[in-house]
Amino acid sequence: MHELTRQQTAVMTMEATCAESTLLANILEALLSDADFVTTLTAHGFDTLPRVLYERLLQGRS
């Protein structure tokens, strides 16, 4: 029974992490569609995204 509880907890944690990741990707996509936000990022030296994040954003568009 202990193993079942451990696995259920792991699944719930993974589902929560996936939901949070999707939410953050959606927020970031909305922010990156704002030209003023992108200009501010670029002005502060943030002109690239980590590859994994970029790929995740591309997945959301297809």
PDB file of N, CA and C in Angstrom:
ATOM      1  N   MET A   1       0.825  -1.192   0.000  1.00  0.00           N
ATOM      2  CA  MET A   1       0.000   0.000   0.000  1.00  0.00           C
ATOM      3  C   MET A   1       0.870   1.258   0.000  1.00  0.00           C
ATOM      4  N   HIS A   2       1.988   1.218   0.651  1.00  0.00           N
ATOM      5  CA  HIS A   2       2.887   2.374   0.696  1.00  0.00           C
ATOM      6  C   HIS A   2       3.367   2.752  -0.705  1.00  0.00           C
ATOM      7  N   GLU A   3       3.662   1.756  -1.526  1.00  0.00           N
ATOM      8  CA  GLU A   3       4.145   2.015  -2.890  1.00  0.00           C
ATOM      9  C   GLU A   3       3.054   2.683  -3.720  1.00  0.00           C
ATOM     10  N   LEU A   4       1.818   2.260  -3.559  1.00  0.00           N
ATOM     11  CA  LEU A   4       0.711   2.863  -4.294  1.00  0.00           C
ATOM     12  C   LEU A   4       0.559   4.337  -3.925  1.00  0.00           C
ATOM     13  N   THR A   5       0.635   4.633  -2.654  1.00  0.00           N
ATOM     14  CA  THR A   5       0.535   6.022  -2.186  1.00  0.00           C
ATOM     15  C   THR A   5       1.683   6.854  -2.746  1.00  0.00           C
ATOM     16  N   ARG A   6       2.874   6.306  -2.757  1.00  0.00           N
ATOM     17  CA  ARG A   6       4.027   7.014  -3.285  1.00  0.00           C
ATOM     18  C   ARG A   6       3.842   7.319  -4.763  1.00  0.00           C
ATOM     19  N   GLN A   7       3.354   6.351  -5.518  1.00  0.00           N
ATOM     20  CA  GLN A   7       3.140   6.543  -6.944  1.00  0.00           C
ATOM     21  C   GLN A   7       2.025   7.553  -7.213  1.00  0.00           C
ATOM     22  N   GLN A   8       0.958   7.502  -6.427  1.00  0.00           N
ATOM     23  CA  GLN A   8      -0.132   8.459  -6.598  1.00  0.00           C
ATOM     24  C   GLN A   8       0.358   9.882  -6.319  1.00  0.00           C
ATOM     25  N   THR A   9       1.168  10.028  -5.293  1.00  0.00           N
ATOM     26  CA  THR A   9       1.736  11.332  -4.957  1.00  0.00           C
ATOM     27  C   THR A   9       2.630  11.824  -6.078  1.00  0.00           C
ATOM     28  N   ALA A  10       3.430  10.934  -6.647  1.00  0.00           N
ATOM     29  CA  ALA A  10       4.322  11.306  -7.746  1.00  0.00           C
ATOM     30  C   ALA A  10       3.512  11.761  -8.962  1.00  0.00           C
ATOM     31  N   VAL A  11       2.436  11.067  -9.274  1.00  0.00           N
ATOM     32  CA  VAL A  11       1.588  11.433 -10.413  1.00  0.00           C
ATOM     33  C   VAL A  11       0.935  12.790 -10.169  1.00  0.00           C
ATOM     34  N   MET A  12       0.431  13.026  -8.976  1.00  0.00           N
ATOM     35  CA  MET A  12      -0.193  14.318  -8.663  1.00  0.00           C
ATOM     36  C   MET A  12       0.826  15.447  -8.756  1.00  0.00           C
ATOM     37  N   THR A  13       2.037  15.195  -8.314  1.00  0.00           N
ATOM     38  CA  THR A  13       3.093  16.200  -8.395  1.00  0.00           C
ATOM     39  C   THR A  13       3.441  16.496  -9.843  1.00  0.00           C
ATOM     40  N   MET A  14       3.550  15.465 -10.658  1.00  0.00           N
ATOM     41  CA  MET A  14       3.860  15.658 -12.077  1.00  0.00           C
ATOM     42  C   MET A  14       2.735  16.415 -12.781  1.00  0.00           C
ATOM     43  N   GLU A  15       1.491  16.105 -12.474  1.00  0.00           N
ATOM     44  CA  GLU A  15       0.363  16.804 -13.092  1.00  0.00           C
ATOM     45  C   GLU A  15       0.358  18.278 -12.701  1.00  0.00           C
ATOM     46  N   ALA A  16       0.641  18.562 -11.439  1.00  0.00           N
ATOM     47  CA  ALA A  16       0.684  19.950 -10.974  1.00  0.00           C
ATOM     48  C   ALA A  16       1.829  20.699 -11.654  1.00  0.00           C
ATOM     49  N   THR A  17       2.973  20.041 -11.778  1.00  0.00           N
ATOM     50  CA  THR A  17       4.124  20.656 -12.428  1.00  0.00           C
ATOM     51  C   THR A  17       3.827  20.940 -13.892  1.00  0.00           C
ATOM     52  N   CYS A  18       3.170  20.025 -14.562  1.00  0.00           N
ATOM     53  CA  CYS A  18       2.800  20.206 -15.965  1.00  0.00           C
ATOM     54  C   CYS A  18       1.831  21.381 -16.116  1.00  0.00           C
ATOM     55  N   ALA A  19       0.852  21.473 -15.229  1.00  0.00           N
ATOM     56  CA  ALA A  19      -0.120  22.561 -15.289  1.00  0.00           C
ATOM     57  C   ALA A  19       0.559  23.908 -15.059  1.00  0.00           C
ATOM     58  N   GLU A  20       1.469  23.960 -14.091  1.00  0.00           N
ATOM     59  CA  GLU A  20       2.192  25.200 -13.811  1.00  0.00           C
ATOM     60  C   GLU A  20       3.093  25.580 -14.976  1.00  0.00           C
ATOM     61  N   SER A  21       3.726  24.599 -15.569  1.00  0.00           N
ATOM     62  CA  SER A  21       4.591  24.850 -16.711  1.00  0.00           C
ATOM     63  C   SER A  21       3.794  25.398 -17.891  1.00  0.00           C
ATOM     64  N   THR A  22       2.637  24.833 -18.138  1.00  0.00           N
ATOM     65  CA  THR A  22       1.773  25.304 -19.215  1.00  0.00           C
ATOM     66  C   THR A  22       1.308  26.730 -18.949  1.00  0.00           C
ATOM     67  N   LEU A  23       0.931  27.010 -17.712  1.00  0.00           N
ATOM     68  CA  LEU A  23       0.509  28.354 -17.346  1.00  0.00           C
ATOM     69  C   LEU A  23       1.629  29.363 -17.571  1.00  0.00           C
ATOM     70  N   LEU A  24       2.822  29.029 -17.122  1.00  0.00           N
ATOM     71  CA  LEU A  24       3.963  29.933 -17.297  1.00  0.00           C
ATOM     72  C   LEU A  24       4.298  30.135 -18.772  1.00  0.00           C
ATOM     73  N   ALA A  25       4.228  29.082 -19.554  1.00  0.00           N
ATOM     74  CA  ALA A  25       4.499  29.206 -20.987  1.00  0.00           C
ATOM     75  C   ALA A  25       3.470  30.115 -21.651  1.00  0.00           C
ATOM     76  N   ASN A  26       2.209  30.002 -21.245  1.00  0.00           N
ATOM     77  CA  ASN A  26       1.160  30.860 -21.805  1.00  0.00           C
ATOM     78  C   ASN A  26       1.375  32.318 -21.414  1.00  0.00           C
ATOM     79  N   ILE A  27       1.757  32.546 -20.174  1.00  0.00           N
ATOM     80  CA  ILE A  27       2.026  33.909 -19.718  1.00  0.00           C
ATOM     81  C   ILE A  27       3.207  34.492 -20.474  1.00  0.00           C
ATOM     82  N   LEU A  28       4.265  33.719 -20.603  1.00  0.00           N
ATOM     83  CA  LEU A  28       5.450  34.204 -21.304  1.00  0.00           C
ATOM     84  C   LEU A  28       5.138  34.483 -22.772  1.00  0.00           C
ATOM     85  N   GLU A  29       4.345  33.642 -23.386  1.00  0.00           N
ATOM     86  CA  GLU A  29       3.971  33.866 -24.782  1.00  0.00           C
ATOM     87  C   GLU A  29       3.200  35.182 -24.925  1.00  0.00           C
ATOM     88  N   ALA A  30       2.295  35.435 -23.982  1.00  0.00           N
ATOM     89  CA  ALA A  30       1.546  36.691 -24.021  1.00  0.00           C
ATOM     90  C   ALA A  30       2.475  37.884 -23.833  1.00  0.00           C
ATOM     91  N   LEU A  31       3.402  37.775 -22.897  1.00  0.00           N
ATOM     92  CA  LEU A  31       4.349  38.870 -22.665  1.00  0.00           C
ATOM     93  C   LEU A  31       5.230  39.115 -23.888  1.00  0.00           C
ATOM     94  N   LEU A  32       5.677  38.040 -24.515  1.00  0.00           N
ATOM     95  CA  LEU A  32       6.568  38.184 -25.668  1.00  0.00           C
ATOM     96  C   LEU A  32       5.848  38.720 -26.906  1.00  0.00           C
ATOM     97  N   SER A  33       4.527  38.722 -26.877  1.00  0.00           N
ATOM     98  CA  SER A  33       3.795  39.313 -27.991  1.00  0.00           C
ATOM     99  C   SER A  33       3.651  40.834 -27.817  1.00  0.00           C
ATOM    100  N   ASP A  34       4.066  41.339 -26.652  1.00  0.00           N
ATOM    101  CA  ASP A  34       4.029  42.779 -26.371  1.00  0.00           C
ATOM    102  C   ASP A  34       5.371  43.392 -26.774  1.00  0.00           C
ATOM    103  N   ALA A  35       5.357  44.226 -27.802  1.00  0.00           N
ATOM    104  CA  ALA A  35       6.589  44.812 -28.335  1.00  0.00           C
ATOM    105  C   ALA A  35       7.345  45.624 -27.283  1.00  0.00           C
ATOM    106  N   ASP A  36       6.623  46.327 -26.429  1.00  0.00           N
ATOM    107  CA  ASP A  36       7.287  47.125 -25.385  1.00  0.00           C
ATOM    108  C   ASP A  36       8.026  46.229 -24.391  1.00  0.00           C
ATOM    109  N   PHE A  37       7.419  45.111 -24.049  1.00  0.00           N
ATOM    110  CA  PHE A  37       8.064  44.170 -23.131  1.00  0.00           C
ATOM    111  C   PHE A  37       9.340  43.615 -23.753  1.00  0.00           C
ATOM    112  N   VAL A  38       9.258  43.228 -25.018  1.00  0.00           N
ATOM    113  CA  VAL A  38      10.430  42.688 -25.711  1.00  0.00           C
ATOM    114  C   VAL A  38      11.528  43.741 -25.812  1.00  0.00           C
ATOM    115  N   THR A  39      11.159  44.986 -26.079  1.00  0.00           N
ATOM    116  CA  THR A  39      12.132  46.072 -26.151  1.00  0.00           C
ATOM    117  C   THR A  39      12.835  46.254 -24.810  1.00  0.00           C
ATOM    118  N   THR A  40      12.074  46.191 -23.735  1.00  0.00           N
ATOM    119  CA  THR A  40      12.658  46.313 -22.395  1.00  0.00           C
ATOM    120  C   THR A  40      13.619  45.171 -22.110  1.00  0.00           C
ATOM    121  N   LEU A  41      13.216  43.952 -22.457  1.00  0.00           N
ATOM    122  CA  LEU A  41      14.102  42.795 -22.256  1.00  0.00           C
ATOM    123  C   LEU A  41      15.400  42.971 -23.035  1.00  0.00           C
ATOM    124  N   THR A  42      15.285  43.352 -24.284  1.00  0.00           N
ATOM    125  CA  THR A  42      16.457  43.528 -25.137  1.00  0.00           C
ATOM    126  C   THR A  42      17.371  44.614 -24.592  1.00  0.00           C
ATOM    127  N   ALA A  43      16.789  45.698 -24.114  1.00  0.00           N
ATOM    128  CA  ALA A  43      17.578  46.800 -23.557  1.00  0.00           C
ATOM    129  C   ALA A  43      18.381  46.368 -22.335  1.00  0.00           C
ATOM    130  N   HIS A  44      17.890  45.357 -21.640  1.00  0.00           N
ATOM    131  CA  HIS A  44      18.586  44.853 -20.449  1.00  0.00           C
ATOM    132  C   HIS A  44      19.435  43.614 -20.745  1.00  0.00           C
ATOM    133  N   GLY A  45      19.621  43.312 -22.010  1.00  0.00           N
ATOM    134  CA  GLY A  45      20.509  42.216 -22.391  1.00  0.00           C
ATOM    135  C   GLY A  45      19.861  40.852 -22.473  1.00  0.00           C
ATOM    136  N   PHE A  46      18.545  40.807 -22.370  1.00  0.00           N
ATOM    137  CA  PHE A  46      17.846  39.522 -22.470  1.00  0.00           C
ATOM    138  C   PHE A  46      17.255  39.391 -23.867  1.00  0.00           C
ATOM    139  N   ASP A  47      18.108  39.063 -24.831  1.00  0.00           N
ATOM    140  CA  ASP A  47      17.636  39.009 -26.210  1.00  0.00           C
ATOM    141  C   ASP A  47      17.545  37.590 -26.758  1.00  0.00           C
ATOM    142  N   THR A  48      17.767  36.593 -25.934  1.00  0.00           N
ATOM    143  CA  THR A  48      17.596  35.199 -26.346  1.00  0.00           C
ATOM    144  C   THR A  48      16.866  34.436 -25.248  1.00  0.00           C
ATOM    145  N   LEU A  49      16.283  33.302 -25.632  1.00  0.00           N
ATOM    146  CA  LEU A  49      15.627  32.407 -24.683  1.00  0.00           C
ATOM    147  C   LEU A  49      16.393  31.097 -24.602  1.00  0.00           C
ATOM    148  N   PRO A  50      16.356  30.431 -23.463  1.00  0.00           N
ATOM    149  CA  PRO A  50      16.918  29.081 -23.411  1.00  0.00           C
ATOM    150  C   PRO A  50      16.212  28.189 -24.443  1.00  0.00           C
ATOM    151  N   ARG A  51      16.959  27.310 -25.070  1.00  0.00           N
ATOM    152  CA  ARG A  51      16.433  26.457 -26.140  1.00  0.00           C
ATOM    153  C   ARG A  51      15.185  25.689 -25.706  1.00  0.00           C
ATOM    154  N   VAL A  52      15.191  25.108 -24.522  1.00  0.00           N
ATOM    155  CA  VAL A  52      14.064  24.303 -24.059  1.00  0.00           C
ATOM    156  C   VAL A  52      12.807  25.165 -23.927  1.00  0.00           C
ATOM    157  N   LEU A  53      12.966  26.366 -23.416  1.00  0.00           N
ATOM    158  CA  LEU A  53      11.827  27.267 -23.282  1.00  0.00           C
ATOM    159  C   LEU A  53      11.309  27.692 -24.650  1.00  0.00           C
ATOM    160  N   TYR A  54      12.216  28.005 -25.548  1.00  0.00           N
ATOM    161  CA  TYR A  54      11.830  28.389 -26.912  1.00  0.00           C
ATOM    162  C   TYR A  54      11.043  27.260 -27.588  1.00  0.00           C
ATOM    163  N   GLU A  55      11.521  26.036 -27.452  1.00  0.00           N
ATOM    164  CA  GLU A  55      10.837  24.891 -28.058  1.00  0.00           C
ATOM    165  C   GLU A  55       9.463  24.686 -27.447  1.00  0.00           C
ATOM    166  N   ARG A  56       9.364  24.910 -26.152  1.00  0.00           N
ATOM    167  CA  ARG A  56       8.059  24.762 -25.465  1.00  0.00           C
ATOM    168  C   ARG A  56       7.064  25.802 -25.994  1.00  0.00           C
ATOM    169  N   LEU A  57       7.536  27.023 -26.202  1.00  0.00           N
ATOM    170  CA  LEU A  57       6.667  28.059 -26.737  1.00  0.00           C
ATOM    171  C   LEU A  57       6.228  27.737 -28.151  1.00  0.00           C
ATOM    172  N   LEU A  58       7.127  27.157 -28.945  1.00  0.00           N
ATOM    173  CA  LEU A  58       6.773  26.768 -30.307  1.00  0.00           C
ATOM    174  C   LEU A  58       5.727  25.659 -30.308  1.00  0.00           C
ATOM    175  N   GLN A  59       5.808  24.743 -29.356  1.00  0.00           N
ATOM    176  CA  GLN A  59       4.835  23.658 -29.270  1.00  0.00           C
ATOM    177  C   GLN A  59       3.447  24.193 -29.015  1.00  0.00           C
ATOM    178  N   GLY A  60       3.359  25.231 -28.201  1.00  0.00           N
ATOM    179  CA  GLY A  60       2.059  25.809 -27.867  1.00  0.00           C
ATOM    180  C   GLY A  60       1.369  26.450 -29.049  1.00  0.00           C
ATOM    181  N   ARG A  61       2.129  26.832 -30.061  1.00  0.00           N
ATOM    182  CA  ARG A  61       1.558  27.495 -31.235  1.00  0.00           C
ATOM    183  C   ARG A  61       1.058  26.518 -32.281  1.00  0.00           C
ATOM    184  N   SER A  62       1.475  25.267 -32.205  1.00  0.00           N
ATOM    185  CA  SER A  62       1.072  24.303 -33.240  1.00  0.00           C
ATOM    186  C   SER A  62      -0.123  23.494 -32.831  1.00  0.00           C
TER     187      SER A  62
END
